[in-house]
Amino acid sequence: MLRYKMDVLQELKTIGFSAYKLRKDKIMGEAQIQKIRTGEIASKETLNTLCKLLNCQPGDLIEYIPDEDNSVSGVDKTGKSDKNSQNHDS
């Protein structure tokens, strides 16, 4: 699961970008602001804007936290392909 490392909106507010200013100046739409507010990861374009405004790298904003069950269909926890779970047409 990806999550923000910081309170992004508070960091923006610190440098003079309130949610109102972000919307008014068309820097970011309400939907993306709401995603950030609820902890949902914003779009790639919004992450790019955040990095630009905060003068940081994406890794400064977000981090990956493994889920308790972080298996991916067809891939085990070591990242190796599980050939038995793959579907092959014969």
C-alpha atoms as a PDB file:
ATOM      1  CA  MET A   1       0.000   0.000   0.000  1.00  0.00           C
ATOM      2  CA  LEU A   2       1.226   3.475  -0.808  1.00  0.00           C
ATOM      3  CA  ARG A   3       0.774   6.252   1.718  1.00  0.00           C
ATOM      4  CA  TYR A   4       1.865   9.841   2.218  1.00  0.00           C
ATOM      5  CA  LYS A   5       4.863  10.393   4.477  1.00  0.00           C
ATOM      6  CA  MET A   6       3.653  13.863   5.460  1.00  0.00           C
ATOM      7  CA  ASP A   7       0.554  16.011   5.696  1.00  0.00           C
ATOM      8  CA  VAL A   8       0.819  17.265   2.110  1.00  0.00           C
ATOM      9  CA  LEU A   9      -1.880  19.931   2.375  1.00  0.00           C
ATOM     10  CA  GLN A  10      -0.305  21.322   5.563  1.00  0.00           C
ATOM     11  CA  GLU A  11       3.106  21.463   3.851  1.00  0.00           C
ATOM     12  CA  LEU A  12       1.548  23.320   0.919  1.00  0.00           C
ATOM     13  CA  LYS A  13      -0.210  25.706   3.302  1.00  0.00           C
ATOM     14  CA  THR A  14       3.125  26.426   5.005  1.00  0.00           C
ATOM     15  CA  ILE A  15       4.523  27.727   1.710  1.00  0.00           C
ATOM     16  CA  GLY A  16       1.407  29.739   0.881  1.00  0.00           C
ATOM     17  CA  PHE A  17      -0.782  27.298  -1.060  1.00  0.00           C
ATOM     18  CA  SER A  18      -4.110  26.776   0.700  1.00  0.00           C
ATOM     19  CA  ALA A  19      -6.681  24.424  -0.811  1.00  0.00           C
ATOM     20  CA  TYR A  20      -8.601  27.526  -1.896  1.00  0.00           C
ATOM     21  CA  LYS A  21      -5.559  28.987  -3.683  1.00  0.00           C
ATOM     22  CA  LEU A  22      -4.818  25.643  -5.368  1.00  0.00           C
ATOM     23  CA  ARG A  23      -8.356  25.575  -6.778  1.00  0.00           C
ATOM     24  CA  LYS A  24      -8.624  29.308  -7.537  1.00  0.00           C
ATOM     25  CA  ASP A  25      -5.304  29.410  -9.433  1.00  0.00           C
ATOM     26  CA  LYS A  26      -6.216  26.149 -11.210  1.00  0.00           C
ATOM     27  CA  ILE A  27      -3.111  24.442  -9.866  1.00  0.00           C
ATOM     28  CA  MET A  28      -5.106  21.442  -8.692  1.00  0.00           C
ATOM     29  CA  GLY A  29      -8.735  20.396  -8.908  1.00  0.00           C
ATOM     30  CA  GLU A  30     -11.049  19.662  -6.002  1.00  0.00           C
ATOM     31  CA  ALA A  31     -11.079  15.921  -6.749  1.00  0.00           C
ATOM     32  CA  GLN A  32      -7.298  15.650  -6.386  1.00  0.00           C
ATOM     33  CA  ILE A  33      -7.281  17.821  -3.263  1.00  0.00           C
ATOM     34  CA  GLN A  34      -9.957  15.576  -1.748  1.00  0.00           C
ATOM     35  CA  LYS A  35      -7.910  12.470  -2.599  1.00  0.00           C
ATOM     36  CA  ILE A  36      -4.902  13.938  -0.811  1.00  0.00           C
ATOM     37  CA  ARG A  37      -7.093  14.980   2.137  1.00  0.00           C
ATOM     38  CA  THR A  38      -8.356  11.391   2.566  1.00  0.00           C
ATOM     39  CA  GLY A  39      -4.916   9.822   2.123  1.00  0.00           C
ATOM     40  CA  GLU A  40      -5.628   8.412  -1.309  1.00  0.00           C
ATOM     41  CA  ILE A  41      -2.689   8.716  -3.701  1.00  0.00           C
ATOM     42  CA  ALA A  42      -3.263  11.455  -6.253  1.00  0.00           C
ATOM     43  CA  SER A  43      -2.723  11.154  -9.995  1.00  0.00           C
ATOM     44  CA  LYS A  44       0.731  11.116 -11.560  1.00  0.00           C
ATOM     45  CA  GLU A  45       0.184  14.659 -12.814  1.00  0.00           C
ATOM     46  CA  THR A  46      -0.762  15.844  -9.338  1.00  0.00           C
ATOM     47  CA  LEU A  47       2.268  14.124  -7.798  1.00  0.00           C
ATOM     48  CA  ASN A  48       4.392  15.937 -10.381  1.00  0.00           C
ATOM     49  CA  THR A  49       2.785  19.259  -9.360  1.00  0.00           C
ATOM     50  CA  LEU A  50       3.313  18.511  -5.665  1.00  0.00           C
ATOM     51  CA  CYS A  51       6.986  17.732  -6.240  1.00  0.00           C
ATOM     52  CA  LYS A  52       7.374  20.975  -8.176  1.00  0.00           C
ATOM     53  CA  LEU A  53       5.645  23.110  -5.527  1.00  0.00           C
ATOM     54  CA  LEU A  54       7.369  21.440  -2.570  1.00  0.00           C
ATOM     55  CA  ASN A  55      10.728  21.126  -4.375  1.00  0.00           C
ATOM     56  CA  CYS A  56      11.026  17.450  -3.540  1.00  0.00           C
ATOM     57  CA  GLN A  57      11.177  13.960  -5.034  1.00  0.00           C
ATOM     58  CA  PRO A  58       8.205  11.531  -5.148  1.00  0.00           C
ATOM     59  CA  GLY A  59       9.929   9.389  -2.516  1.00  0.00           C
ATOM     60  CA  ASP A  60       9.825  12.369  -0.162  1.00  0.00           C
ATOM     61  CA  LEU A  61       6.012  12.400  -0.462  1.00  0.00           C
ATOM     62  CA  ILE A  62       5.001   8.745  -0.560  1.00  0.00           C
ATOM     63  CA  GLU A  63       6.211   5.417   0.721  1.00  0.00           C
ATOM     64  CA  TYR A  64       5.303   1.783   0.191  1.00  0.00           C
ATOM     65  CA  ILE A  65       4.071  -0.150   3.217  1.00  0.00           C
ATOM     66  CA  PRO A  66       3.638  -3.887   2.568  1.00  0.00           C
ATOM     67  CA  ASP A  67       0.201  -5.296   3.333  1.00  0.00           C
ATOM     68  CA  GLU A  68       0.018  -8.274   5.658  1.00  0.00           C
ATOM     69  CA  ASP A  69      -0.805 -10.379   2.612  1.00  0.00           C
ATOM     70  CA  ASN A  70       1.275  -8.712  -0.100  1.00  0.00           C
ATOM     71  CA  SER A  71       0.983 -11.539  -2.600  1.00  0.00           C
ATOM     72  CA  VAL A  72       0.213 -10.671  -6.192  1.00  0.00           C
ATOM     73  CA  SER A  73      -1.753 -13.076  -8.348  1.00  0.00           C
ATOM     74  CA  GLY A  74       0.733 -15.412 -10.046  1.00  0.00           C
ATOM     75  CA  VAL A  75       3.733 -14.079  -8.079  1.00  0.00           C
ATOM     76  CA  ASP A  76       4.882 -15.302  -4.683  1.00  0.00           C
ATOM     77  CA  LYS A  77       6.291 -13.026  -1.947  1.00  0.00           C
ATOM     78  CA  THR A  78       9.844 -13.455  -3.289  1.00  0.00           C
ATOM     79  CA  GLY A  79       8.777 -11.999  -6.651  1.00  0.00           C
ATOM     80  CA  LYS A  80       9.152 -15.324  -8.474  1.00  0.00           C
ATOM     81  CA  SER A  81       6.523 -16.362 -10.953  1.00  0.00           C
ATOM     82  CA  ASP A  82       4.282 -19.182  -9.792  1.00  0.00           C
ATOM     83  CA  LYS A  83       4.013 -21.312 -12.940  1.00  0.00           C
ATOM     84  CA  ASN A  84       1.345 -23.519 -11.382  1.00  0.00           C
ATOM     85  CA  SER A  85      -1.019 -20.567 -10.947  1.00  0.00           C
ATOM     86  CA  GLN A  86      -0.587 -19.248 -14.473  1.00  0.00           C
ATOM     87  CA  ASN A  87      -3.267 -20.027 -17.015  1.00  0.00           C
ATOM     88  CA  HIS A  88      -1.935 -21.541 -20.241  1.00  0.00           C
ATOM     89  CA  ASP A  89      -4.099 -22.399 -23.212  1.00  0.00           C
ATOM     90  CA  SER A  90      -3.243 -25.857 -24.538  1.00  0.00           C
END
